[in-house]
Amino acid sequence: MFRETKDGRVLIYWHGKQITVLKGKVASKFLKDILPADSMQAQLVMARITGHFKHGNER
């Protein structure tokens, strides 16, 4: 799940927790890639942009 703010930032969430904040050119490229995508493609775009954020601390 993601949310776009009024100032152009994009907040990406996973299970209700904020994972990352995108700004500037990265945010605009993310929106360009994700808006025409279906749900499966959108998940892949978000996974690519967030990287492997869970490594090392999951239980």
N, C-alpha and C. Protein backbone atom coordinates (compact mmCIF):
# COMPACT_ATOMS: atom_id res chain seq x y z
N MET A 1 0.84 -1.17 0.00
CA MET A 1 0.00 0.00 0.00
C MET A 1 0.89 1.24 0.00
N PHE A 2 0.47 2.27 -0.69
CA PHE A 2 1.23 3.52 -0.71
C PHE A 2 0.27 4.69 -0.64
N ARG A 3 0.82 5.84 -0.27
CA ARG A 3 0.02 7.05 -0.17
C ARG A 3 0.85 8.22 -0.67
N GLU A 4 0.24 9.05 -1.51
CA GLU A 4 0.92 10.24 -2.02
C GLU A 4 0.50 11.44 -1.17
N THR A 5 1.46 12.25 -0.76
CA THR A 5 1.16 13.43 0.04
C THR A 5 1.02 14.66 -0.85
N LYS A 6 0.52 15.73 -0.27
CA LYS A 6 0.32 16.96 -1.03
C LYS A 6 1.62 17.56 -1.54
N ASP A 7 2.71 17.35 -0.79
CA ASP A 7 3.98 17.94 -1.19
C ASP A 7 4.78 17.06 -2.16
N GLY A 8 4.16 15.98 -2.67
CA GLY A 8 4.79 15.16 -3.70
C GLY A 8 5.56 13.95 -3.19
N ARG A 9 5.58 13.75 -1.88
CA ARG A 9 6.25 12.57 -1.34
C ARG A 9 5.34 11.36 -1.48
N VAL A 10 5.93 10.17 -1.49
CA VAL A 10 5.18 8.92 -1.53
C VAL A 10 5.60 8.10 -0.31
N LEU A 11 4.61 7.69 0.48
CA LEU A 11 4.86 6.87 1.65
C LEU A 11 4.45 5.44 1.32
N ILE A 12 5.33 4.49 1.56
CA ILE A 12 5.04 3.09 1.28
C ILE A 12 4.88 2.35 2.60
N TYR A 13 3.79 1.60 2.73
CA TYR A 13 3.45 0.88 3.95
C TYR A 13 3.45 -0.62 3.71
N TRP A 14 3.71 -1.37 4.79
CA TRP A 14 3.61 -2.83 4.78
C TRP A 14 3.02 -3.24 6.11
N HIS A 15 1.88 -3.91 6.09
CA HIS A 15 1.16 -4.33 7.30
C HIS A 15 0.93 -3.15 8.24
N GLY A 16 0.57 -2.01 7.70
CA GLY A 16 0.24 -0.84 8.50
C GLY A 16 1.43 -0.04 9.01
N LYS A 17 2.65 -0.45 8.72
CA LYS A 17 3.83 0.27 9.16
C LYS A 17 4.49 0.94 7.97
N GLN A 18 4.93 2.18 8.18
CA GLN A 18 5.61 2.91 7.12
C GLN A 18 7.00 2.32 6.91
N ILE A 19 7.29 1.94 5.68
CA ILE A 19 8.56 1.31 5.35
C ILE A 19 9.55 2.31 4.79
N THR A 20 9.10 3.14 3.86
CA THR A 20 10.01 4.10 3.24
C THR A 20 9.26 5.33 2.77
N VAL A 21 10.02 6.40 2.51
CA VAL A 21 9.49 7.65 1.98
C VAL A 21 10.27 7.96 0.72
N LEU A 22 9.55 8.21 -0.36
CA LEU A 22 10.19 8.58 -1.62
C LEU A 22 9.95 10.06 -1.88
N LYS A 23 10.97 10.75 -2.40
CA LYS A 23 10.85 12.18 -2.68
C LYS A 23 11.40 12.47 -4.06
N GLY A 24 11.01 13.58 -4.61
CA GLY A 24 11.57 14.10 -5.85
C GLY A 24 11.41 13.21 -7.05
N LYS A 25 12.49 13.03 -7.79
CA LYS A 25 12.45 12.25 -9.03
C LYS A 25 12.10 10.79 -8.78
N VAL A 26 12.56 10.24 -7.66
CA VAL A 26 12.27 8.84 -7.34
C VAL A 26 10.76 8.66 -7.14
N ALA A 27 10.13 9.60 -6.43
CA ALA A 27 8.70 9.53 -6.20
C ALA A 27 7.91 9.67 -7.50
N SER A 28 8.32 10.59 -8.36
CA SER A 28 7.59 10.77 -9.61
C SER A 28 7.75 9.56 -10.53
N LYS A 29 8.93 8.95 -10.55
CA LYS A 29 9.13 7.73 -11.36
C LYS A 29 8.30 6.58 -10.80
N PHE A 30 8.25 6.46 -9.47
CA PHE A 30 7.45 5.43 -8.83
C PHE A 30 5.98 5.58 -9.22
N LEU A 31 5.44 6.79 -9.13
CA LEU A 31 4.04 7.03 -9.49
C LEU A 31 3.78 6.75 -10.96
N LYS A 32 4.73 7.12 -11.82
CA LYS A 32 4.59 6.85 -13.25
C LYS A 32 4.52 5.35 -13.52
N ASP A 33 5.31 4.57 -12.78
CA ASP A 33 5.34 3.13 -12.96
C ASP A 33 4.14 2.43 -12.35
N ILE A 34 3.63 2.92 -11.23
CA ILE A 34 2.63 2.17 -10.48
C ILE A 34 1.19 2.53 -10.86
N LEU A 35 0.93 3.73 -11.30
CA LEU A 35 -0.46 4.12 -11.56
C LEU A 35 -1.13 3.30 -12.68
N PRO A 36 -0.45 2.98 -13.78
CA PRO A 36 -1.13 2.16 -14.80
C PRO A 36 -1.07 0.65 -14.51
N ALA A 37 -0.40 0.25 -13.45
CA ALA A 37 -0.17 -1.18 -13.18
C ALA A 37 -1.37 -1.82 -12.49
N ASP A 38 -1.56 -3.13 -12.73
CA ASP A 38 -2.57 -3.87 -11.98
C ASP A 38 -1.99 -4.21 -10.61
N SER A 39 -2.75 -4.89 -9.76
CA SER A 39 -2.32 -5.12 -8.38
C SER A 39 -1.04 -5.96 -8.28
N MET A 40 -0.90 -6.96 -9.13
CA MET A 40 0.29 -7.81 -9.08
C MET A 40 1.53 -7.02 -9.51
N GLN A 41 1.42 -6.26 -10.58
CA GLN A 41 2.54 -5.44 -11.04
C GLN A 41 2.88 -4.36 -10.01
N ALA A 42 1.85 -3.81 -9.36
CA ALA A 42 2.08 -2.79 -8.34
C ALA A 42 2.88 -3.36 -7.17
N GLN A 43 2.57 -4.59 -6.76
CA GLN A 43 3.33 -5.24 -5.69
C GLN A 43 4.79 -5.42 -6.09
N LEU A 44 5.03 -5.78 -7.34
CA LEU A 44 6.41 -5.96 -7.80
C LEU A 44 7.17 -4.64 -7.84
N VAL A 45 6.50 -3.56 -8.23
CA VAL A 45 7.13 -2.24 -8.25
C VAL A 45 7.50 -1.82 -6.83
N MET A 46 6.58 -2.02 -5.89
CA MET A 46 6.86 -1.65 -4.50
C MET A 46 7.97 -2.52 -3.91
N ALA A 47 8.00 -3.80 -4.25
CA ALA A 47 9.05 -4.69 -3.75
C ALA A 47 10.41 -4.26 -4.30
N ARG A 48 10.45 -3.87 -5.56
CA ARG A 48 11.70 -3.44 -6.16
C ARG A 48 12.21 -2.15 -5.51
N ILE A 49 11.32 -1.22 -5.22
CA ILE A 49 11.73 0.08 -4.69
C ILE A 49 12.14 0.00 -3.22
N THR A 50 11.52 -0.91 -2.46
CA THR A 50 11.84 -1.00 -1.03
C THR A 50 13.04 -1.90 -0.78
N GLY A 51 13.36 -2.78 -1.69
CA GLY A 51 14.49 -3.68 -1.48
C GLY A 51 14.14 -4.77 -0.48
N HIS A 52 15.15 -5.29 0.16
CA HIS A 52 14.94 -6.36 1.12
C HIS A 52 14.98 -5.79 2.53
N PHE A 53 13.96 -5.06 2.91
CA PHE A 53 13.98 -4.35 4.18
C PHE A 53 13.85 -5.27 5.39
N LYS A 54 13.40 -6.52 5.21
CA LYS A 54 13.16 -7.40 6.34
C LYS A 54 14.39 -8.22 6.76
N HIS A 55 15.43 -8.24 6.00
CA HIS A 55 16.57 -9.11 6.29
C HIS A 55 17.22 -8.79 7.63
N GLY A 56 17.40 -9.83 8.44
CA GLY A 56 18.16 -9.68 9.66
C GLY A 56 17.38 -9.47 10.93
N ASN A 57 16.15 -8.98 10.86
CA ASN A 57 15.45 -8.71 12.10
C ASN A 57 14.06 -9.35 12.18
N GLU A 58 13.69 -10.19 11.24
CA GLU A 58 12.38 -10.82 11.30
C GLU A 58 12.41 -12.04 12.22
N ARG A 59 11.27 -12.39 12.76
CA ARG A 59 11.17 -13.54 13.66
C ARG A 59 10.19 -14.53 13.10
